[in-house]
C-alpha atoms as a PDB file:
ATOM      1  CA  UNK A   1     -15.121   8.720 -43.099  1.00  0.00           C
ATOM      2  CA  UNK A   2     -16.232   5.413 -41.618  1.00  0.00           C
ATOM      3  CA  UNK A   3     -17.632   4.801 -38.118  1.00  0.00           C
ATOM      4  CA  UNK A   4     -21.098   5.807 -39.310  1.00  0.00           C
ATOM      5  CA  UNK A   5     -22.603   2.510 -40.432  1.00  0.00           C
ATOM      6  CA  UNK A   6     -25.166   0.468 -38.509  1.00  0.00           C
ATOM      7  CA  UNK A   7     -24.078  -2.999 -37.390  1.00  0.00           C
ATOM      8  CA  UNK A   8     -25.629  -5.887 -35.500  1.00  0.00           C
ATOM      9  CA  UNK A   9     -24.677  -4.105 -32.262  1.00  0.00           C
ATOM     10  CA  UNK A  10     -25.002  -0.478 -33.382  1.00  0.00           C
ATOM     11  CA  UNK A  11     -28.524  -1.046 -34.720  1.00  0.00           C
ATOM     12  CA  UNK A  12     -29.693   2.542 -34.986  1.00  0.00           C
ATOM     13  CA  UNK A  13     -32.414   1.830 -37.538  1.00  0.00           C
ATOM     14  CA  UNK A  14     -34.499   0.158 -34.816  1.00  0.00           C
ATOM     15  CA  UNK A  15     -37.520   1.805 -33.203  1.00  0.00           C
ATOM     16  CA  UNK A  16     -35.824   1.819 -29.784  1.00  0.00           C
ATOM     17  CA  UNK A  17     -32.909   3.941 -30.972  1.00  0.00           C
ATOM     18  CA  UNK A  18     -34.991   6.171 -33.212  1.00  0.00           C
ATOM     19  CA  UNK A  19     -37.178   6.993 -30.244  1.00  0.00           C
ATOM     20  CA  UNK A  20     -34.136   8.148 -28.239  1.00  0.00           C
ATOM     21  CA  UNK A  21     -32.732  10.356 -30.999  1.00  0.00           C
ATOM     22  CA  UNK A  22     -36.014  11.725 -32.328  1.00  0.00           C
ATOM     23  CA  UNK A  23     -35.753  14.974 -30.351  1.00  0.00           C
ATOM     24  CA  UNK A  24     -32.313  15.662 -31.828  1.00  0.00           C
ATOM     25  CA  UNK A  25     -33.303  15.260 -35.474  1.00  0.00           C
ATOM     26  CA  UNK A  26     -33.503  18.947 -36.189  1.00  0.00           C
ATOM     27  CA  UNK A  27     -31.473  21.444 -38.176  1.00  0.00           C
ATOM     28  CA  UNK A  28     -31.797  23.875 -35.289  1.00  0.00           C
ATOM     29  CA  UNK A  29     -29.009  22.024 -33.462  1.00  0.00           C
ATOM     30  CA  UNK A  30     -25.404  21.712 -34.615  1.00  0.00           C
ATOM     31  CA  UNK A  31     -23.650  18.347 -34.470  1.00  0.00           C
ATOM     32  CA  UNK A  32     -21.721  19.621 -31.464  1.00  0.00           C
ATOM     33  CA  UNK A  33     -24.944  20.509 -29.657  1.00  0.00           C
ATOM     34  CA  UNK A  34     -26.478  17.144 -30.549  1.00  0.00           C
ATOM     35  CA  UNK A  35     -23.413  15.289 -29.254  1.00  0.00           C
ATOM     36  CA  UNK A  36     -23.418  17.195 -25.959  1.00  0.00           C
ATOM     37  CA  UNK A  37     -27.132  16.612 -25.401  1.00  0.00           C
ATOM     38  CA  UNK A  38     -26.943  12.916 -26.287  1.00  0.00           C
ATOM     39  CA  UNK A  39     -23.997  12.450 -23.952  1.00  0.00           C
ATOM     40  CA  UNK A  40     -25.986  13.843 -21.011  1.00  0.00           C
ATOM     41  CA  UNK A  41     -29.050  11.804 -21.947  1.00  0.00           C
ATOM     42  CA  UNK A  42     -27.149   8.512 -21.965  1.00  0.00           C
ATOM     43  CA  UNK A  43     -25.022   9.417 -18.936  1.00  0.00           C
ATOM     44  CA  UNK A  44     -27.974  10.181 -16.680  1.00  0.00           C
ATOM     45  CA  UNK A  45     -30.953   8.229 -18.062  1.00  0.00           C
ATOM     46  CA  UNK A  46     -29.318   4.808 -17.566  1.00  0.00           C
ATOM     47  CA  UNK A  47     -27.829   4.062 -14.152  1.00  0.00           C
ATOM     48  CA  UNK A  48     -24.343   2.614 -13.952  1.00  0.00           C
ATOM     49  CA  UNK A  49     -24.242  -1.025 -12.853  1.00  0.00           C
ATOM     50  CA  UNK A  50     -20.873  -2.850 -12.947  1.00  0.00           C
ATOM     51  CA  UNK A  51     -22.194  -6.044 -11.345  1.00  0.00           C
ATOM     52  CA  UNK A  52     -24.069  -7.514 -14.306  1.00  0.00           C
ATOM     53  CA  UNK A  53     -21.459  -9.168 -16.488  1.00  0.00           C
ATOM     54  CA  UNK A  54     -22.849 -10.643 -19.704  1.00  0.00           C
ATOM     55  CA  UNK A  55     -21.276 -12.130 -22.792  1.00  0.00           C
ATOM     56  CA  UNK A  56     -24.528 -12.907 -24.544  1.00  0.00           C
ATOM     57  CA  UNK A  57     -24.306 -11.390 -28.025  1.00  0.00           C
ATOM     58  CA  UNK A  58     -27.880 -10.123 -27.973  1.00  0.00           C
ATOM     59  CA  UNK A  59     -27.320  -8.235 -24.712  1.00  0.00           C
ATOM     60  CA  UNK A  60     -24.831  -5.950 -26.456  1.00  0.00           C
ATOM     61  CA  UNK A  61     -27.275  -4.750 -29.111  1.00  0.00           C
ATOM     62  CA  UNK A  62     -28.024  -1.068 -28.593  1.00  0.00           C
ATOM     63  CA  UNK A  63     -31.747  -1.674 -29.051  1.00  0.00           C
ATOM     64  CA  UNK A  64     -31.632  -4.223 -26.204  1.00  0.00           C
ATOM     65  CA  UNK A  65     -29.680  -1.865 -23.940  1.00  0.00           C
ATOM     66  CA  UNK A  66     -32.124   0.953 -24.714  1.00  0.00           C
ATOM     67  CA  UNK A  67     -34.968  -1.005 -23.112  1.00  0.00           C
ATOM     68  CA  UNK A  68     -33.123  -1.341 -19.785  1.00  0.00           C
ATOM     69  CA  UNK A  69     -32.856   1.199 -16.976  1.00  0.00           C
ATOM     70  CA  UNK A  70     -29.197   0.564 -16.174  1.00  0.00           C
ATOM     71  CA  UNK A  71     -26.021  -0.790 -17.678  1.00  0.00           C
ATOM     72  CA  UNK A  72     -22.263  -0.975 -17.263  1.00  0.00           C
ATOM     73  CA  UNK A  73     -19.715   1.183 -19.049  1.00  0.00           C
ATOM     74  CA  UNK A  74     -19.626  -0.906 -22.240  1.00  0.00           C
ATOM     75  CA  UNK A  75     -23.431  -0.972 -22.462  1.00  0.00           C
ATOM     76  CA  UNK A  76     -23.735   2.784 -22.123  1.00  0.00           C
ATOM     77  CA  UNK A  77     -20.889   3.394 -24.559  1.00  0.00           C
ATOM     78  CA  UNK A  78     -22.539   1.171 -27.173  1.00  0.00           C
ATOM     79  CA  UNK A  79     -25.810   3.017 -26.718  1.00  0.00           C
ATOM     80  CA  UNK A  80     -24.205   6.436 -27.103  1.00  0.00           C
ATOM     81  CA  UNK A  81     -22.166   5.365 -30.157  1.00  0.00           C
ATOM     82  CA  UNK A  82     -25.287   4.034 -31.835  1.00  0.00           C
ATOM     83  CA  UNK A  83     -27.215   7.238 -31.198  1.00  0.00           C
ATOM     84  CA  UNK A  84     -24.330   9.364 -32.466  1.00  0.00           C
ATOM     85  CA  UNK A  85     -23.987   7.334 -35.659  1.00  0.00           C
ATOM     86  CA  UNK A  86     -27.712   7.670 -36.266  1.00  0.00           C
ATOM     87  CA  UNK A  87     -27.203  11.450 -36.345  1.00  0.00           C
ATOM     88  CA  UNK A  88     -24.256  11.122 -38.739  1.00  0.00           C
ATOM     89  CA  UNK A  89     -21.621  11.792 -36.081  1.00  0.00           C
ATOM     90  CA  UNK A  90     -18.708   9.318 -36.474  1.00  0.00           C
ATOM     91  CA  UNK A  91     -18.239   7.258 -33.312  1.00  0.00           C
ATOM     92  CA  UNK A  92     -16.404   4.116 -32.234  1.00  0.00           C
ATOM     93  CA  UNK A  93     -15.843   1.993 -29.126  1.00  0.00           C
ATOM     94  CA  UNK A  94     -12.688   2.442 -27.044  1.00  0.00           C
ATOM     95  CA  UNK A  95     -11.712  -0.191 -24.458  1.00  0.00           C
ATOM     96  CA  UNK A  96      -9.277  -0.243 -21.569  1.00  0.00           C
ATOM     97  CA  UNK A  97      -8.667  -1.391 -18.021  1.00  0.00           C
ATOM     98  CA  UNK A  98      -9.349   0.826 -15.020  1.00  0.00           C
ATOM     99  CA  UNK A  99      -8.641   0.648 -11.301  1.00  0.00           C
ATOM    100  CA  UNK A 100     -11.163   2.000  -8.825  1.00  0.00           C
ATOM    101  CA  UNK A 101     -10.021   3.379  -5.473  1.00  0.00           C
ATOM    102  CA  UNK A 102     -13.333   4.392  -3.835  1.00  0.00           C
ATOM    103  CA  UNK A 103     -16.160   2.042  -2.749  1.00  0.00           C
ATOM    104  CA  UNK A 104     -14.090  -0.962  -3.751  1.00  0.00           C
ATOM    105  CA  UNK A 105     -15.201  -3.453  -1.078  1.00  0.00           C
ATOM    106  CA  UNK A 106     -18.053  -4.921  -3.122  1.00  0.00           C
ATOM    107  CA  UNK A 107     -15.970  -4.913  -6.299  1.00  0.00           C
ATOM    108  CA  UNK A 108     -13.263  -6.966  -4.620  1.00  0.00           C
ATOM    109  CA  UNK A 109     -15.857  -9.283  -3.061  1.00  0.00           C
ATOM    110  CA  UNK A 110     -17.569  -9.961  -6.386  1.00  0.00           C
ATOM    111  CA  UNK A 111     -14.695  -9.803  -8.887  1.00  0.00           C
ATOM    112  CA  UNK A 112     -11.712 -10.589  -6.666  1.00  0.00           C
ATOM    113  CA  UNK A 113     -10.098  -7.283  -7.672  1.00  0.00           C
ATOM    114  CA  UNK A 114     -10.729  -3.554  -7.918  1.00  0.00           C
ATOM    115  CA  UNK A 115      -9.450  -3.551 -11.496  1.00  0.00           C
ATOM    116  CA  UNK A 116     -12.232  -3.617 -14.078  1.00  0.00           C
ATOM    117  CA  UNK A 117     -11.925  -4.764 -17.678  1.00  0.00           C
ATOM    118  CA  UNK A 118     -13.004  -4.231 -20.333  1.00  0.00           C
ATOM    119  CA  UNK A 119     -13.890  -0.644 -19.488  1.00  0.00           C
ATOM    120  CA  UNK A 120     -15.900   0.962 -22.266  1.00  0.00           C
ATOM    121  CA  UNK A 121     -15.528   4.512 -23.542  1.00  0.00           C
ATOM    122  CA  UNK A 122     -16.593   6.418 -26.638  1.00  0.00           C
ATOM    123  CA  UNK A 123     -14.541   8.050 -29.372  1.00  0.00           C
ATOM    124  CA  UNK A 124     -16.435  10.551 -31.493  1.00  0.00           C
ATOM    125  CA  UNK A 125     -15.323  12.895 -34.231  1.00  0.00           C
ATOM    126  CA  UNK A 126     -16.366  16.556 -34.282  1.00  0.00           C
ATOM    127  CA  UNK A 127     -14.795  19.123 -36.593  1.00  0.00           C
ATOM    128  CA  UNK A 128     -12.244  16.540 -37.774  1.00  0.00           C
ATOM    129  CA  UNK A 129     -11.032  15.954 -34.222  1.00  0.00           C
ATOM    130  CA  UNK A 130     -11.388  12.658 -32.356  1.00  0.00           C
ATOM    131  CA  UNK A 131     -12.432  13.019 -28.719  1.00  0.00           C
ATOM    132  CA  UNK A 132     -12.656  10.430 -25.947  1.00  0.00           C
ATOM    133  CA  UNK A 133     -15.498  10.484 -23.430  1.00  0.00           C
ATOM    134  CA  UNK A 134     -17.141   8.237 -20.876  1.00  0.00           C
ATOM    135  CA  UNK A 135     -20.905   8.286 -20.238  1.00  0.00           C
ATOM    136  CA  UNK A 136     -20.641   5.576 -17.561  1.00  0.00           C
ATOM    137  CA  UNK A 137     -21.221   7.338 -14.229  1.00  0.00           C
ATOM    138  CA  UNK A 138     -24.637   8.947 -13.912  1.00  0.00           C
ATOM    139  CA  UNK A 139     -24.965  12.206 -11.996  1.00  0.00           C
ATOM    140  CA  UNK A 140     -26.860  10.720  -9.039  1.00  0.00           C
ATOM    141  CA  UNK A 141     -24.192   8.043  -8.528  1.00  0.00           C
ATOM    142  CA  UNK A 142     -21.437  10.641  -8.620  1.00  0.00           C
ATOM    143  CA  UNK A 143     -23.217  12.585  -5.883  1.00  0.00           C
ATOM    144  CA  UNK A 144     -23.240   9.529  -3.609  1.00  0.00           C
ATOM    145  CA  UNK A 145     -19.469   9.107  -3.930  1.00  0.00           C
ATOM    146  CA  UNK A 146     -18.639  12.829  -3.864  1.00  0.00           C
ATOM    147  CA  UNK A 147     -17.259  12.801  -7.378  1.00  0.00           C
ATOM    148  CA  UNK A 148     -17.924  15.574  -9.864  1.00  0.00           C
ATOM    149  CA  UNK A 149     -19.782  14.146 -12.880  1.00  0.00           C
ATOM    150  CA  UNK A 150     -17.922  14.202 -16.160  1.00  0.00           C
ATOM    151  CA  UNK A 151     -19.101  17.046 -18.362  1.00  0.00           C
ATOM    152  CA  UNK A 152     -18.586  17.218 -22.118  1.00  0.00           C
ATOM    153  CA  UNK A 153     -18.158  20.550 -23.904  1.00  0.00           C
ATOM    154  CA  UNK A 154     -18.023  19.162 -27.417  1.00  0.00           C
ATOM    155  CA  UNK A 155     -14.432  20.305 -27.891  1.00  0.00           C
ATOM    156  CA  UNK A 156     -12.297  18.402 -25.372  1.00  0.00           C
ATOM    157  CA  UNK A 157     -12.021  14.796 -24.240  1.00  0.00           C
ATOM    158  CA  UNK A 158     -13.835  13.929 -21.019  1.00  0.00           C
ATOM    159  CA  UNK A 159     -13.142  10.432 -19.762  1.00  0.00           C
ATOM    160  CA  UNK A 160     -11.145  10.481 -16.530  1.00  0.00           C
ATOM    161  CA  UNK A 161     -12.331  11.200 -12.975  1.00  0.00           C
ATOM    162  CA  UNK A 162      -8.971  10.812 -11.309  1.00  0.00           C
ATOM    163  CA  UNK A 163      -9.921  12.329  -7.938  1.00  0.00           C
ATOM    164  CA  UNK A 164     -13.087  12.824  -5.945  1.00  0.00           C
ATOM    165  CA  UNK A 165     -14.166  16.201  -4.562  1.00  0.00           C
ATOM    166  CA  UNK A 166     -12.021  15.663  -1.435  1.00  0.00           C
ATOM    167  CA  UNK A 167      -8.888  15.122  -3.511  1.00  0.00           C
ATOM    168  CA  UNK A 168      -8.755  11.366  -2.922  1.00  0.00           C
ATOM    169  CA  UNK A 169      -7.704   9.105  -5.784  1.00  0.00           C
ATOM    170  CA  UNK A 170     -10.860   7.777  -7.449  1.00  0.00           C
ATOM    171  CA  UNK A 171      -9.938   6.099 -10.713  1.00  0.00           C
ATOM    172  CA  UNK A 172      -6.933   5.441 -12.867  1.00  0.00           C
ATOM    173  CA  UNK A 173      -6.571   3.948 -16.317  1.00  0.00           C
ATOM    174  CA  UNK A 174      -3.926   1.246 -16.258  1.00  0.00           C
ATOM    175  CA  UNK A 175      -4.206  -0.292 -19.726  1.00  0.00           C
ATOM    176  CA  UNK A 176      -5.462   0.888 -23.118  1.00  0.00           C
ATOM    177  CA  UNK A 177      -6.768  -1.625 -25.673  1.00  0.00           C
ATOM    178  CA  UNK A 178      -7.435   0.970 -28.351  1.00  0.00           C
ATOM    179  CA  UNK A 179     -10.527   1.629 -30.446  1.00  0.00           C
ATOM    180  CA  UNK A 180     -12.797  -0.646 -32.474  1.00  0.00           C
ATOM    181  CA  UNK A 181     -15.173  -0.020 -35.353  1.00  0.00           C
ATOM    182  CA  UNK A 182     -17.606  -2.626 -33.988  1.00  0.00           C
ATOM    183  CA  UNK A 183     -18.070  -4.445 -30.674  1.00  0.00           C
ATOM    184  CA  UNK A 184     -15.186  -6.982 -30.368  1.00  0.00           C
ATOM    185  CA  UNK A 185     -17.112  -9.538 -28.329  1.00  0.00           C
ATOM    186  CA  UNK A 186     -14.578 -12.375 -28.637  1.00  0.00           C
ATOM    187  CA  UNK A 187     -11.761 -10.071 -27.504  1.00  0.00           C
ATOM    188  CA  UNK A 188     -13.864  -8.880 -24.565  1.00  0.00           C
ATOM    189  CA  UNK A 189     -14.559 -12.471 -23.487  1.00  0.00           C
ATOM    190  CA  UNK A 190     -10.853 -13.324 -23.756  1.00  0.00           C
ATOM    191  CA  UNK A 191      -9.612 -10.492 -21.542  1.00  0.00           C
ATOM    192  CA  UNK A 192     -12.420 -11.001 -19.014  1.00  0.00           C
ATOM    193  CA  UNK A 193     -11.537 -14.688 -18.671  1.00  0.00           C
ATOM    194  CA  UNK A 194      -7.896 -13.777 -18.173  1.00  0.00           C
ATOM    195  CA  UNK A 195      -8.710 -11.114 -15.598  1.00  0.00           C
ATOM    196  CA  UNK A 196     -11.518 -12.834 -13.650  1.00  0.00           C
ATOM    197  CA  UNK A 197     -10.414 -16.486 -13.477  1.00  0.00           C
ATOM    198  CA  UNK A 198     -12.369 -17.201 -10.292  1.00  0.00           C
ATOM    199  CA  UNK A 199     -15.669 -16.354 -12.007  1.00  0.00           C
ATOM    200  CA  UNK A 200     -15.033 -18.447 -15.087  1.00  0.00           C
ATOM    201  CA  UNK A 201     -13.366 -21.388 -13.322  1.00  0.00           C
ATOM    202  CA  UNK A 202     -16.685 -22.353 -11.758  1.00  0.00           C
ATOM    203  CA  UNK A 203     -19.052 -20.937 -14.395  1.00  0.00           C
ATOM    204  CA  UNK A 204     -17.213 -21.535 -17.652  1.00  0.00           C
ATOM    205  CA  UNK A 205     -20.388 -22.670 -19.414  1.00  0.00           C
ATOM    206  CA  UNK A 206     -22.241 -19.487 -18.558  1.00  0.00           C
ATOM    207  CA  UNK A 207     -22.370 -16.288 -20.587  1.00  0.00           C
ATOM    208  CA  UNK A 208     -24.073 -14.094 -18.007  1.00  0.00           C
ATOM    209  CA  UNK A 209     -23.315 -13.380 -14.355  1.00  0.00           C
ATOM    210  CA  UNK A 210     -25.238 -11.370 -11.783  1.00  0.00           C
ATOM    211  CA  UNK A 211     -22.534 -10.659  -9.206  1.00  0.00           C
END
């Protein structure tokens, strides 16, 4: 099965990634247990930040992301995929478009919309079954917005927080771009330019935006 190889982006042979996965390199843990533990590590050790939009190729290397303290959904998905592959767990990037319904004022101010794209998720294969999960929203952020953090049991997909704890609509997935063996940077740039024309109309020469 593919989805195990290192790439320019999924550079798991680097010291930065090996340091993250070192505690999981043991026969005492099953692949399921390793996947669950890595998911929690990436979910909560890097804070979610949707306001740093970059299309610099180097910024999407897992070893670069590992050195930061925060990242957006694609960043955190790349990091988790890279760590999973390093432990011989097949993993790939899944992209889509989502619509947020809570704390949207700043999103609309910065992006001109409460629809975010590309939204990054992770597909991983355990026991010959592909599962979809999202490590984007760290536990402390979920607490602020009264949303239960996504848990992963190693057997079922875990990628959608549709409602918050009060039953209010929180997030919905409105478009699915499918999965990719590597990071499709050109495709990501294309859909971002189509979706955020006001950003690129005035900054078309830039590859990175702090919004």
